[in-house]
Amino acid sequence: MASFIQRRGPNGKRVWQAHIRRRGYQAQVRTFDTKAEAQAWAATIESEIVRGVFVSRAEAERTTLDEALVRYQTEITPRKKSIGERGFVRRWRAHPLAQRTLASIRGKDIAEFIRTREADEVGGNTIRLELALLSHLFNTARSAWGMESLTNPIELVKGQRPKLPQGRDRRLVGDEETRLLDAARTYGGEIGPIITWAIETAMRRGEIAAMRWEHVDQKARVLLVPETKTGTPRRVPLSSRALAILDGPVCRIDGRVWGMKPDSISQAFERICSTAGIEGLTFHDLRHEATSRLFEKGLNPMEVAAITGHKTLQMLKRYTHLRAEDLVERLG
């Protein structure tokens, strides 16, 4: 049987402590404002013990979200490819919920978080990423940190999550490719060949910057990409145009194909677009362009995914924007 003791809390207020002791189980103690709350909690715990489904909530009830975030950043984040995750961790640690225990965070708290972020005009995709991190933290705490009793509050608000914007559908139109490459030649350096390489291979900016000569098989016309965003290495077939680009770069001492880093590529690309009078185009849009061109060449989804590295057809669809005008001839 549970026992209930009335005590004076740190603020001088009277509180009730519920104590449960059962052979074979660690003692359970929890404090409540009223005796009725203490009795209800004790009844639930004792029922779970009798039915053999009891899992201790002690660690989840004493671990704050802030403490869990620190552990997550130390143990989990280094294994992931996302370079922006540390920023999301910092934002959560600055949020008032960070001072709450994991067990006390409920679905209504997450719903309120979503409403507040939307009121602050934060983008839907940013909110999605913030929630994804917190959801993974709760699932990790439940599966790997011994807090099996935890409920993931993010899973309780699926119907209230913000609507995501339509995927970008920006492609090169008219003579933009010619103007872009002309401006790149005037700008000089590696950015021109890198732009062409992106259009020919659909590779990500970071993957291009990390290219090494040892991974290029010019005879087989294949490039190995050992580290990808999805964590799965892939081999990219090289078109004749892509292969010709490799005749330009010199073999660097460090073994890299390009000397430019990801941020430098983006900065140079922005300046070139400005010079060429091209608006609303990002370097990542070239991946959309390249992926769409692969479909327009007649490749099927599985073949395109093997080149681009997309894990699911749904994600591949987000990067594919076929022009109706280019499909007319195939209809006959």
C-alpha atoms as a PDB file:
ATOM      1  CA  MET A   1       0.000   0.000   0.000  1.00  0.00           C
ATOM      2  CA  ALA A   2       1.114   3.541  -0.683  1.00  0.00           C
ATOM      3  CA  SER A   3       1.688   5.944   2.187  1.00  0.00           C
ATOM      4  CA  PHE A   4       1.048   9.677   2.120  1.00  0.00           C
ATOM      5  CA  ILE A   5       2.926  12.261   4.180  1.00  0.00           C
ATOM      6  CA  GLN A   6       2.168  15.943   4.411  1.00  0.00           C
ATOM      7  CA  ARG A   7       5.248  18.171   4.465  1.00  0.00           C
ATOM      8  CA  ARG A   8       6.162  21.824   4.147  1.00  0.00           C
ATOM      9  CA  GLY A   9       7.673  22.639   0.752  1.00  0.00           C
ATOM     10  CA  PRO A  10      10.659  24.950   0.052  1.00  0.00           C
ATOM     11  CA  ASN A  11       8.305  27.938  -0.318  1.00  0.00           C
ATOM     12  CA  GLY A  12       6.528  27.156   2.954  1.00  0.00           C
ATOM     13  CA  LYS A  13       3.492  25.728   1.199  1.00  0.00           C
ATOM     14  CA  ARG A  14       2.038  22.433   2.463  1.00  0.00           C
ATOM     15  CA  VAL A  15       2.517  19.554   0.003  1.00  0.00           C
ATOM     16  CA  TRP A  16       1.807  15.818  -0.052  1.00  0.00           C
ATOM     17  CA  GLN A  17       4.396  13.133  -0.687  1.00  0.00           C
ATOM     18  CA  ALA A  18       3.330   9.744  -2.004  1.00  0.00           C
ATOM     19  CA  HIS A  19       5.607   6.780  -1.162  1.00  0.00           C
ATOM     20  CA  ILE A  20       5.311   3.380  -2.816  1.00  0.00           C
ATOM     21  CA  ARG A  21       7.444   0.444  -1.728  1.00  0.00           C
ATOM     22  CA  ARG A  22       7.066  -2.993  -3.296  1.00  0.00           C
ATOM     23  CA  ARG A  23       9.441  -5.933  -3.072  1.00  0.00           C
ATOM     24  CA  GLY A  24      11.520  -6.219  -6.226  1.00  0.00           C
ATOM     25  CA  TYR A  25      10.958  -2.582  -7.228  1.00  0.00           C
ATOM     26  CA  GLN A  26      12.827   0.607  -6.473  1.00  0.00           C
ATOM     27  CA  ALA A  27      10.947   2.868  -4.051  1.00  0.00           C
ATOM     28  CA  GLN A  28       8.841   5.497  -5.819  1.00  0.00           C
ATOM     29  CA  VAL A  29       8.382   8.924  -4.272  1.00  0.00           C
ATOM     30  CA  ARG A  30       6.661  11.979  -5.734  1.00  0.00           C
ATOM     31  CA  THR A  31       5.366  15.262  -4.340  1.00  0.00           C
ATOM     32  CA  PHE A  32       1.973  16.840  -5.140  1.00  0.00           C
ATOM     33  CA  ASP A  33       0.064  19.945  -4.177  1.00  0.00           C
ATOM     34  CA  THR A  34      -2.965  17.968  -2.968  1.00  0.00           C
ATOM     35  CA  LYS A  35      -3.548  14.585  -1.384  1.00  0.00           C
ATOM     36  CA  ALA A  36      -6.043  13.692  -4.124  1.00  0.00           C
ATOM     37  CA  GLU A  37      -3.360  14.117  -6.799  1.00  0.00           C
ATOM     38  CA  ALA A  38      -0.934  12.008  -4.759  1.00  0.00           C
ATOM     39  CA  GLN A  39      -3.531   9.253  -4.337  1.00  0.00           C
ATOM     40  CA  ALA A  40      -4.371   9.218  -8.056  1.00  0.00           C
ATOM     41  CA  TRP A  41      -0.706   8.926  -8.994  1.00  0.00           C
ATOM     42  CA  ALA A  42      -0.103   6.161  -6.460  1.00  0.00           C
ATOM     43  CA  ALA A  43      -3.107   4.211  -7.731  1.00  0.00           C
ATOM     44  CA  THR A  44      -1.756   4.339 -11.286  1.00  0.00           C
ATOM     45  CA  ILE A  45       1.734   3.205 -10.272  1.00  0.00           C
ATOM     46  CA  GLU A  46       0.459   0.368  -8.077  1.00  0.00           C
ATOM     47  CA  SER A  47      -1.842  -0.820 -10.861  1.00  0.00           C
ATOM     48  CA  GLU A  48       1.068  -0.932 -13.297  1.00  0.00           C
ATOM     49  CA  ILE A  49       3.176  -2.867 -10.799  1.00  0.00           C
ATOM     50  CA  VAL A  50       0.422  -5.424 -10.250  1.00  0.00           C
ATOM     51  CA  ARG A  51      -0.030  -5.868 -14.027  1.00  0.00           C
ATOM     52  CA  GLY A  52       3.743  -6.172 -14.552  1.00  0.00           C
ATOM     53  CA  VAL A  53       3.923  -3.187 -16.918  1.00  0.00           C
ATOM     54  CA  PHE A  54       5.493  -0.658 -14.583  1.00  0.00           C
ATOM     55  CA  VAL A  55       8.488   1.316 -15.908  1.00  0.00           C
ATOM     56  CA  SER A  56      10.178   3.774 -13.587  1.00  0.00           C
ATOM     57  CA  ARG A  57       9.556   7.418 -14.468  1.00  0.00           C
ATOM     58  CA  ALA A  58      12.170   8.673 -12.006  1.00  0.00           C
ATOM     59  CA  GLU A  59      14.884   9.575 -14.511  1.00  0.00           C
ATOM     60  CA  ALA A  60      12.462  11.241 -16.926  1.00  0.00           C
ATOM     61  CA  GLU A  61      10.963  13.197 -14.026  1.00  0.00           C
ATOM     62  CA  ARG A  62      14.307  14.544 -12.825  1.00  0.00           C
ATOM     63  CA  THR A  63      16.029  15.166 -16.193  1.00  0.00           C
ATOM     64  CA  THR A  64      15.358  18.611 -17.638  1.00  0.00           C
ATOM     65  CA  LEU A  65      15.097  19.226 -21.345  1.00  0.00           C
ATOM     66  CA  ASP A  66      18.213  21.388 -21.116  1.00  0.00           C
ATOM     67  CA  GLU A  67      20.209  18.513 -19.609  1.00  0.00           C
ATOM     68  CA  ALA A  68      18.896  16.166 -22.283  1.00  0.00           C
ATOM     69  CA  LEU A  69      19.833  18.636 -25.036  1.00  0.00           C
ATOM     70  CA  VAL A  70      23.405  18.839 -23.744  1.00  0.00           C
ATOM     71  CA  ARG A  71      23.642  15.056 -23.759  1.00  0.00           C
ATOM     72  CA  TYR A  72      22.058  14.870 -27.210  1.00  0.00           C
ATOM     73  CA  GLN A  73      24.543  17.371 -28.623  1.00  0.00           C
ATOM     74  CA  THR A  74      27.439  15.404 -27.147  1.00  0.00           C
ATOM     75  CA  GLU A  75      26.326  11.894 -28.100  1.00  0.00           C
ATOM     76  CA  ILE A  76      24.027  12.180 -31.119  1.00  0.00           C
ATOM     77  CA  THR A  77      24.766  15.361 -33.082  1.00  0.00           C
ATOM     78  CA  PRO A  78      28.386  14.430 -33.991  1.00  0.00           C
ATOM     79  CA  ARG A  79      27.070  11.340 -35.821  1.00  0.00           C
ATOM     80  CA  LYS A  80      24.737  13.351 -38.029  1.00  0.00           C
ATOM     81  CA  LYS A  81      25.481  15.198 -41.263  1.00  0.00           C
ATOM     82  CA  SER A  82      23.361  18.265 -40.565  1.00  0.00           C
ATOM     83  CA  ILE A  83      25.610  21.259 -39.900  1.00  0.00           C
ATOM     84  CA  GLY A  84      22.665  23.365 -38.691  1.00  0.00           C
ATOM     85  CA  GLU A  85      21.593  21.076 -35.861  1.00  0.00           C
ATOM     86  CA  ARG A  86      23.728  22.781 -33.226  1.00  0.00           C
ATOM     87  CA  GLY A  87      21.839  25.991 -33.963  1.00  0.00           C
ATOM     88  CA  PHE A  88      18.514  24.254 -33.304  1.00  0.00           C
ATOM     89  CA  VAL A  89      19.906  22.853 -30.042  1.00  0.00           C
ATOM     90  CA  ARG A  90      20.892  26.383 -28.945  1.00  0.00           C
ATOM     91  CA  ARG A  91      17.391  27.681 -29.699  1.00  0.00           C
ATOM     92  CA  TRP A  92      15.724  24.940 -27.688  1.00  0.00           C
ATOM     93  CA  ARG A  93      18.092  25.494 -24.759  1.00  0.00           C
ATOM     94  CA  ALA A  94      17.081  29.169 -24.704  1.00  0.00           C
ATOM     95  CA  HIS A  95      13.364  28.315 -24.686  1.00  0.00           C
ATOM     96  CA  PRO A  96      11.457  28.249 -21.351  1.00  0.00           C
ATOM     97  CA  LEU A  97      10.578  24.586 -21.935  1.00  0.00           C
ATOM     98  CA  ALA A  98      14.253  23.748 -21.475  1.00  0.00           C
ATOM     99  CA  GLN A  99      13.846  24.239 -17.723  1.00  0.00           C
ATOM    100  CA  ARG A 100      11.031  21.682 -17.547  1.00  0.00           C
ATOM    101  CA  THR A 101      11.611  17.982 -16.986  1.00  0.00           C
ATOM    102  CA  LEU A 102      11.130  15.673 -19.947  1.00  0.00           C
ATOM    103  CA  ALA A 103       8.237  13.897 -18.264  1.00  0.00           C
ATOM    104  CA  SER A 104       6.361  17.159 -17.730  1.00  0.00           C
ATOM    105  CA  ILE A 105       6.393  18.293 -21.373  1.00  0.00           C
ATOM    106  CA  ARG A 106       3.035  17.525 -22.969  1.00  0.00           C
ATOM    107  CA  GLY A 107       1.401  17.817 -26.341  1.00  0.00           C
ATOM    108  CA  LYS A 108      -0.272  21.108 -25.406  1.00  0.00           C
ATOM    109  CA  ASP A 109       3.177  22.603 -24.704  1.00  0.00           C
ATOM    110  CA  ILE A 110       4.318  21.682 -28.202  1.00  0.00           C
ATOM    111  CA  ALA A 111       1.099  23.044 -29.721  1.00  0.00           C
ATOM    112  CA  GLU A 112       1.708  26.335 -27.897  1.00  0.00           C
ATOM    113  CA  PHE A 113       5.301  26.365 -29.171  1.00  0.00           C
ATOM    114  CA  ILE A 114       4.056  25.966 -32.748  1.00  0.00           C
ATOM    115  CA  ARG A 115       1.505  28.789 -32.361  1.00  0.00           C
ATOM    116  CA  THR A 116       4.138  31.106 -30.909  1.00  0.00           C
ATOM    117  CA  ARG A 117       6.647  30.391 -33.673  1.00  0.00           C
ATOM    118  CA  GLU A 118       4.000  30.943 -36.349  1.00  0.00           C
ATOM    119  CA  ALA A 119       2.980  34.224 -34.683  1.00  0.00           C
ATOM    120  CA  ASP A 120       6.637  35.268 -34.895  1.00  0.00           C
ATOM    121  CA  GLU A 121       6.424  34.547 -38.662  1.00  0.00           C
ATOM    122  CA  VAL A 122       8.965  31.737 -38.516  1.00  0.00           C
ATOM    123  CA  GLY A 123       8.923  29.616 -41.679  1.00  0.00           C
ATOM    124  CA  GLY A 124       7.079  26.311 -41.638  1.00  0.00           C
ATOM    125  CA  ASN A 125      10.150  24.324 -42.638  1.00  0.00           C
ATOM    126  CA  THR A 126      12.211  25.854 -39.820  1.00  0.00           C
ATOM    127  CA  ILE A 127       9.520  24.881 -37.302  1.00  0.00           C
ATOM    128  CA  ARG A 128       9.460  21.385 -38.820  1.00  0.00           C
ATOM    129  CA  LEU A 129      13.209  21.007 -38.288  1.00  0.00           C
ATOM    130  CA  GLU A 130      12.959  22.284 -34.710  1.00  0.00           C
ATOM    131  CA  LEU A 131      10.239  19.746 -33.949  1.00  0.00           C
ATOM    132  CA  ALA A 132      12.164  16.970 -35.716  1.00  0.00           C
ATOM    133  CA  LEU A 133      15.156  17.503 -33.449  1.00  0.00           C
ATOM    134  CA  LEU A 134      13.023  17.454 -30.297  1.00  0.00           C
ATOM    135  CA  SER A 135      11.154  14.375 -31.504  1.00  0.00           C
ATOM    136  CA  HIS A 136      14.414  12.529 -32.125  1.00  0.00           C
ATOM    137  CA  LEU A 137      15.639  13.554 -28.666  1.00  0.00           C
ATOM    138  CA  PHE A 138      12.535  12.076 -26.999  1.00  0.00           C
ATOM    139  CA  ASN A 139      12.768   8.884 -29.034  1.00  0.00           C
ATOM    140  CA  THR A 140      16.465   8.569 -28.158  1.00  0.00           C
ATOM    141  CA  ALA A 141      15.765   9.140 -24.456  1.00  0.00           C
ATOM    142  CA  ARG A 142      13.068   6.488 -24.597  1.00  0.00           C
ATOM    143  CA  SER A 143      15.035   3.876 -26.532  1.00  0.00           C
ATOM    144  CA  ALA A 144      18.661   4.429 -25.490  1.00  0.00           C
ATOM    145  CA  TRP A 145      18.725   6.443 -22.259  1.00  0.00           C
ATOM    146  CA  GLY A 146      16.531   4.240 -20.102  1.00  0.00           C
ATOM    147  CA  MET A 147      13.434   6.483 -20.074  1.00  0.00           C
ATOM    148  CA  GLU A 148      10.990   3.973 -21.566  1.00  0.00           C
ATOM    149  CA  SER A 149       8.064   5.603 -19.787  1.00  0.00           C
ATOM    150  CA  LEU A 150       8.363   8.798 -21.825  1.00  0.00           C
ATOM    151  CA  THR A 151       5.697   9.786 -24.314  1.00  0.00           C
ATOM    152  CA  ASN A 152       6.912  11.719 -27.332  1.00  0.00           C
ATOM    153  CA  PRO A 153       4.804  14.930 -27.180  1.00  0.00           C
ATOM    154  CA  ILE A 154       5.593  15.837 -30.794  1.00  0.00           C
ATOM    155  CA  GLU A 155       3.738  12.723 -31.972  1.00  0.00           C
ATOM    156  CA  LEU A 156       0.604  14.008 -30.226  1.00  0.00           C
ATOM    157  CA  VAL A 157       0.305  17.179 -32.352  1.00  0.00           C
ATOM    158  CA  LYS A 158       0.650  15.811 -35.881  1.00  0.00           C
ATOM    159  CA  GLY A 159      -2.527  17.528 -37.012  1.00  0.00           C
ATOM    160  CA  GLN A 160      -1.352  20.899 -35.718  1.00  0.00           C
ATOM    161  CA  ARG A 161       2.048  21.044 -37.378  1.00  0.00           C
ATOM    162  CA  PRO A 162       2.601  23.985 -39.755  1.00  0.00           C
ATOM    163  CA  LYS A 163       1.961  23.503 -43.434  1.00  0.00           C
ATOM    164  CA  LEU A 164       5.149  23.319 -45.440  1.00  0.00           C
ATOM    165  CA  PRO A 165       5.639  25.678 -48.382  1.00  0.00           C
ATOM    166  CA  GLN A 166       5.642  24.291 -51.879  1.00  0.00           C
ATOM    167  CA  GLY A 167       9.074  23.023 -52.898  1.00  0.00           C
ATOM    168  CA  ARG A 168      11.141  25.434 -54.978  1.00  0.00           C
ATOM    169  CA  ASP A 169      10.557  25.030 -58.680  1.00  0.00           C
ATOM    170  CA  ARG A 170      13.149  27.513 -59.932  1.00  0.00           C
ATOM    171  CA  ARG A 171      14.837  26.359 -63.126  1.00  0.00           C
ATOM    172  CA  LEU A 172      17.028  28.038 -65.698  1.00  0.00           C
ATOM    173  CA  VAL A 173      14.815  29.729 -68.263  1.00  0.00           C
ATOM    174  CA  GLY A 174      15.484  31.316 -71.615  1.00  0.00           C
ATOM    175  CA  ASP A 175      19.123  32.264 -72.048  1.00  0.00           C
ATOM    176  CA  GLU A 176      19.901  32.255 -68.313  1.00  0.00           C
ATOM    177  CA  GLU A 177      22.387  29.386 -68.581  1.00  0.00           C
ATOM    178  CA  THR A 178      24.364  31.209 -71.265  1.00  0.00           C
ATOM    179  CA  ARG A 179      24.322  34.481 -69.323  1.00  0.00           C
ATOM    180  CA  LEU A 180      25.294  32.657 -66.140  1.00  0.00           C
ATOM    181  CA  LEU A 181      28.298  30.926 -67.705  1.00  0.00           C
ATOM    182  CA  ASP A 182      29.386  34.101 -69.521  1.00  0.00           C
ATOM    183  CA  ALA A 183      29.367  35.999 -66.223  1.00  0.00           C
ATOM    184  CA  ALA A 184      31.271  33.133 -64.590  1.00  0.00           C
ATOM    185  CA  ARG A 185      33.996  33.272 -67.237  1.00  0.00           C
ATOM    186  CA  THR A 186      34.349  36.995 -66.637  1.00  0.00           C
ATOM    187  CA  TYR A 187      34.467  36.383 -62.879  1.00  0.00           C
ATOM    188  CA  GLY A 188      37.234  33.841 -63.391  1.00  0.00           C
ATOM    189  CA  GLY A 189      38.516  31.035 -61.232  1.00  0.00           C
ATOM    190  CA  GLU A 190      36.800  27.703 -60.661  1.00  0.00           C
ATOM    191  CA  ILE A 191      33.206  28.841 -60.299  1.00  0.00           C
ATOM    192  CA  GLY A 192      32.374  28.487 -64.017  1.00  0.00           C
ATOM    193  CA  PRO A 193      33.409  24.813 -64.292  1.00  0.00           C
ATOM    194  CA  ILE A 194      31.775  24.131 -60.917  1.00  0.00           C
ATOM    195  CA  ILE A 195      28.441  25.529 -62.164  1.00  0.00           C
ATOM    196  CA  THR A 196      28.601  23.336 -65.262  1.00  0.00           C
ATOM    197  CA  TRP A 197      29.583  20.355 -63.117  1.00  0.00           C
ATOM    198  CA  ALA A 198      26.549  20.897 -60.868  1.00  0.00           C
ATOM    199  CA  ILE A 199      24.210  21.013 -63.867  1.00  0.00           C
ATOM    200  CA  GLU A 200      25.719  17.841 -65.331  1.00  0.00           C
ATOM    201  CA  THR A 201      25.866  15.720 -62.153  1.00  0.00           C
ATOM    202  CA  ALA A 202      23.095  17.005 -59.806  1.00  0.00           C
ATOM    203  CA  MET A 203      25.643  16.907 -56.980  1.00  0.00           C
ATOM    204  CA  ARG A 204      25.204  18.960 -53.838  1.00  0.00           C
ATOM    205  CA  ARG A 205      27.432  21.945 -53.137  1.00  0.00           C
ATOM    206  CA  GLY A 206      29.245  20.230 -50.263  1.00  0.00           C
ATOM    207  CA  GLU A 207      29.793  17.081 -52.321  1.00  0.00           C
ATOM    208  CA  ILE A 208      31.331  19.105 -55.139  1.00  0.00           C
ATOM    209  CA  ALA A 209      33.639  20.996 -52.774  1.00  0.00           C
ATOM    210  CA  ALA A 210      34.780  17.691 -51.232  1.00  0.00           C
ATOM    211  CA  MET A 211      35.663  15.983 -54.552  1.00  0.00           C
ATOM    212  CA  ARG A 212      39.058  14.248 -54.589  1.00  0.00           C
ATOM    213  CA  TRP A 213      41.074  12.998 -57.567  1.00  0.00           C
ATOM    214  CA  GLU A 214      41.461   9.578 -55.975  1.00  0.00           C
ATOM    215  CA  HIS A 215      37.689   9.108 -56.284  1.00  0.00           C
ATOM    216  CA  VAL A 216      37.603   9.918 -60.021  1.00  0.00           C
ATOM    217  CA  ASP A 217      37.697   6.955 -62.416  1.00  0.00           C
ATOM    218  CA  GLN A 218      38.022   8.677 -65.770  1.00  0.00           C
ATOM    219  CA  LYS A 219      38.291   5.390 -67.649  1.00  0.00           C
ATOM    220  CA  ALA A 220      34.997   4.109 -66.235  1.00  0.00           C
ATOM    221  CA  ARG A 221      33.568   7.674 -66.309  1.00  0.00           C
ATOM    222  CA  VAL A 222      32.431   7.423 -62.688  1.00  0.00           C
ATOM    223  CA  LEU A 223      32.975   9.553 -59.577  1.00  0.00           C
ATOM    224  CA  LEU A 224      32.712   8.064 -56.085  1.00  0.00           C
ATOM    225  CA  VAL A 225      30.989  10.271 -53.501  1.00  0.00           C
ATOM    226  CA  PRO A 226      32.024   8.587 -50.228  1.00  0.00           C
ATOM    227  CA  GLU A 227      30.253  10.986 -47.857  1.00  0.00           C
ATOM    228  CA  THR A 228      26.748  12.151 -48.616  1.00  0.00           C
ATOM    229  CA  LYS A 229      23.939  13.933 -46.795  1.00  0.00           C
ATOM    230  CA  THR A 230      22.046  10.657 -46.461  1.00  0.00           C
ATOM    231  CA  GLY A 231      25.109   8.801 -45.175  1.00  0.00           C
ATOM    232  CA  THR A 232      25.120   6.357 -48.106  1.00  0.00           C
ATOM    233  CA  PRO A 233      28.077   6.510 -50.547  1.00  0.00           C
ATOM    234  CA  ARG A 234      27.163   6.593 -54.231  1.00  0.00           C
ATOM    235  CA  ARG A 235      28.854   6.439 -57.633  1.00  0.00           C
ATOM    236  CA  VAL A 236      27.932   9.211 -60.060  1.00  0.00           C
ATOM    237  CA  PRO A 237      28.148   8.475 -63.812  1.00  0.00           C
ATOM    238  CA  LEU A 238      29.845  11.275 -65.723  1.00  0.00           C
ATOM    239  CA  SER A 239      28.569  12.694 -69.004  1.00  0.00           C
ATOM    240  CA  SER A 240      31.008  13.662 -71.755  1.00  0.00           C
ATOM    241  CA  ARG A 241      30.550  17.304 -70.773  1.00  0.00           C
ATOM    242  CA  ALA A 242      31.307  16.540 -67.132  1.00  0.00           C
ATOM    243  CA  LEU A 243      34.336  14.461 -68.056  1.00  0.00           C
ATOM    244  CA  ALA A 244      35.717  17.298 -70.193  1.00  0.00           C
ATOM    245  CA  ILE A 245      35.545  19.643 -67.193  1.00  0.00           C
ATOM    246  CA  LEU A 246      38.124  17.487 -65.388  1.00  0.00           C
ATOM    247  CA  ASP A 247      40.736  18.421 -67.994  1.00  0.00           C
ATOM    248  CA  GLY A 248      40.815  21.929 -66.530  1.00  0.00           C
ATOM    249  CA  PRO A 249      41.575  21.721 -62.782  1.00  0.00           C
ATOM    250  CA  VAL A 250      45.192  21.057 -61.841  1.00  0.00           C
ATOM    251  CA  CYS A 251      46.041  18.276 -59.419  1.00  0.00           C
ATOM    252  CA  ARG A 252      46.320  19.976 -56.044  1.00  0.00           C
ATOM    253  CA  ILE A 253      48.806  18.885 -53.404  1.00  0.00           C
ATOM    254  CA  ASP A 254      45.991  18.064 -50.973  1.00  0.00           C
ATOM    255  CA  GLY A 255      44.297  15.815 -53.528  1.00  0.00           C
ATOM    256  CA  ARG A 256      41.149  17.905 -53.841  1.00  0.00           C
ATOM    257  CA  VAL A 257      39.699  18.622 -57.280  1.00  0.00           C
ATOM    258  CA  TRP A 258      38.506  22.117 -56.371  1.00  0.00           C
ATOM    259  CA  GLY A 259      40.047  24.730 -54.118  1.00  0.00           C
ATOM    260  CA  MET A 260      36.732  26.439 -53.318  1.00  0.00           C
ATOM    261  CA  LYS A 261      34.842  25.685 -50.097  1.00  0.00           C
ATOM    262  CA  PRO A 262      31.017  25.461 -49.947  1.00  0.00           C
ATOM    263  CA  ASP A 263      30.480  28.999 -48.647  1.00  0.00           C
ATOM    264  CA  SER A 264      32.861  30.427 -51.243  1.00  0.00           C
ATOM    265  CA  ILE A 265      30.908  28.680 -54.000  1.00  0.00           C
ATOM    266  CA  SER A 266      27.631  30.235 -52.822  1.00  0.00           C
ATOM    267  CA  GLN A 267      29.139  33.699 -52.461  1.00  0.00           C
ATOM    268  CA  ALA A 268      30.690  33.605 -55.925  1.00  0.00           C
ATOM    269  CA  PHE A 269      27.441  32.281 -57.394  1.00  0.00           C
ATOM    270  CA  GLU A 270      25.451  35.164 -55.882  1.00  0.00           C
ATOM    271  CA  ARG A 271      27.846  37.726 -57.369  1.00  0.00           C
ATOM    272  CA  ILE A 272      27.682  36.075 -60.781  1.00  0.00           C
ATOM    273  CA  CYS A 273      23.886  36.029 -60.764  1.00  0.00           C
ATOM    274  CA  SER A 274      23.884  39.713 -59.880  1.00  0.00           C
ATOM    275  CA  THR A 275      26.268  40.489 -62.724  1.00  0.00           C
ATOM    276  CA  ALA A 276      24.188  38.425 -65.169  1.00  0.00           C
ATOM    277  CA  GLY A 277      20.951  40.071 -64.033  1.00  0.00           C
ATOM    278  CA  ILE A 278      19.470  36.758 -62.891  1.00  0.00           C
ATOM    279  CA  GLU A 279      17.101  36.957 -59.929  1.00  0.00           C
ATOM    280  CA  GLY A 280      15.796  34.322 -57.531  1.00  0.00           C
ATOM    281  CA  LEU A 281      18.336  31.624 -58.412  1.00  0.00           C
ATOM    282  CA  THR A 282      20.436  29.807 -55.809  1.00  0.00           C
ATOM    283  CA  PHE A 283      23.270  27.355 -56.340  1.00  0.00           C
ATOM    284  CA  HIS A 284      21.088  24.584 -54.917  1.00  0.00           C
ATOM    285  CA  ASP A 285      18.549  25.279 -57.672  1.00  0.00           C
ATOM    286  CA  LEU A 286      21.091  23.803 -60.079  1.00  0.00           C
ATOM    287  CA  ARG A 287      20.431  20.442 -58.407  1.00  0.00           C
ATOM    288  CA  HIS A 288      16.740  20.866 -59.258  1.00  0.00           C
ATOM    289  CA  GLU A 289      17.721  21.758 -62.805  1.00  0.00           C
ATOM    290  CA  ALA A 290      20.048  18.786 -63.194  1.00  0.00           C
ATOM    291  CA  THR A 291      17.548  16.311 -61.717  1.00  0.00           C
ATOM    292  CA  SER A 292      14.789  17.521 -64.028  1.00  0.00           C
ATOM    293  CA  ARG A 293      17.094  17.233 -67.045  1.00  0.00           C
ATOM    294  CA  LEU A 294      17.855  13.608 -66.175  1.00  0.00           C
ATOM    295  CA  PHE A 295      14.139  12.820 -66.388  1.00  0.00           C
ATOM    296  CA  GLU A 296      13.863  14.788 -69.608  1.00  0.00           C
ATOM    297  CA  LYS A 297      16.609  12.581 -71.059  1.00  0.00           C
ATOM    298  CA  GLY A 298      14.339   9.599 -70.486  1.00  0.00           C
ATOM    299  CA  LEU A 299      15.830   8.081 -67.333  1.00  0.00           C
ATOM    300  CA  ASN A 300      13.388   6.351 -64.999  1.00  0.00           C
ATOM    301  CA  PRO A 301      12.995   7.309 -61.301  1.00  0.00           C
ATOM    302  CA  MET A 302      15.253   4.517 -60.014  1.00  0.00           C
ATOM    303  CA  GLU A 303      18.021   5.507 -62.429  1.00  0.00           C
ATOM    304  CA  VAL A 304      17.736   9.163 -61.473  1.00  0.00           C
ATOM    305  CA  ALA A 305      17.743   8.325 -57.753  1.00  0.00           C
ATOM    306  CA  ALA A 306      20.926   6.284 -58.236  1.00  0.00           C
ATOM    307  CA  ILE A 307      22.614   9.398 -59.663  1.00  0.00           C
ATOM    308  CA  THR A 308      21.215  12.026 -57.304  1.00  0.00           C
ATOM    309  CA  GLY A 309      21.268   9.944 -54.124  1.00  0.00           C
ATOM    310  CA  HIS A 310      17.642  10.574 -53.136  1.00  0.00           C
ATOM    311  CA  LYS A 311      16.414   7.999 -50.613  1.00  0.00           C
ATOM    312  CA  THR A 312      12.715   8.171 -51.463  1.00  0.00           C
ATOM    313  CA  LEU A 313      10.680   8.908 -54.558  1.00  0.00           C
ATOM    314  CA  GLN A 314       8.803  11.564 -52.573  1.00  0.00           C
ATOM    315  CA  MET A 315      12.016  13.505 -51.990  1.00  0.00           C
ATOM    316  CA  LEU A 316      13.012  12.970 -55.615  1.00  0.00           C
ATOM    317  CA  LYS A 317       9.698  14.489 -56.682  1.00  0.00           C
ATOM    318  CA  ARG A 318      10.447  17.647 -54.693  1.00  0.00           C
ATOM    319  CA  TYR A 319      13.599  18.137 -56.754  1.00  0.00           C
ATOM    320  CA  THR A 320      12.007  17.408 -60.098  1.00  0.00           C
ATOM    321  CA  HIS A 321      10.287  20.077 -62.156  1.00  0.00           C
ATOM    322  CA  LEU A 322       9.526  18.918 -65.671  1.00  0.00           C
ATOM    323  CA  ARG A 323       8.483  21.526 -68.212  1.00  0.00           C
ATOM    324  CA  ALA A 324       5.285  20.689 -70.083  1.00  0.00           C
ATOM    325  CA  GLU A 325       6.804  22.168 -73.243  1.00  0.00           C
ATOM    326  CA  ASP A 326       9.624  19.616 -73.125  1.00  0.00           C
ATOM    327  CA  LEU A 327       7.182  16.707 -72.772  1.00  0.00           C
ATOM    328  CA  VAL A 328       5.057  17.565 -75.807  1.00  0.00           C
ATOM    329  CA  GLU A 329       7.319  15.767 -78.321  1.00  0.00           C
ATOM    330  CA  ARG A 330       7.342  12.584 -76.219  1.00  0.00           C
ATOM    331  CA  LEU A 331       3.520  12.459 -76.299  1.00  0.00           C
ATOM    332  CA  GLY A 332       3.476  12.303 -80.101  1.00  0.00           C
END
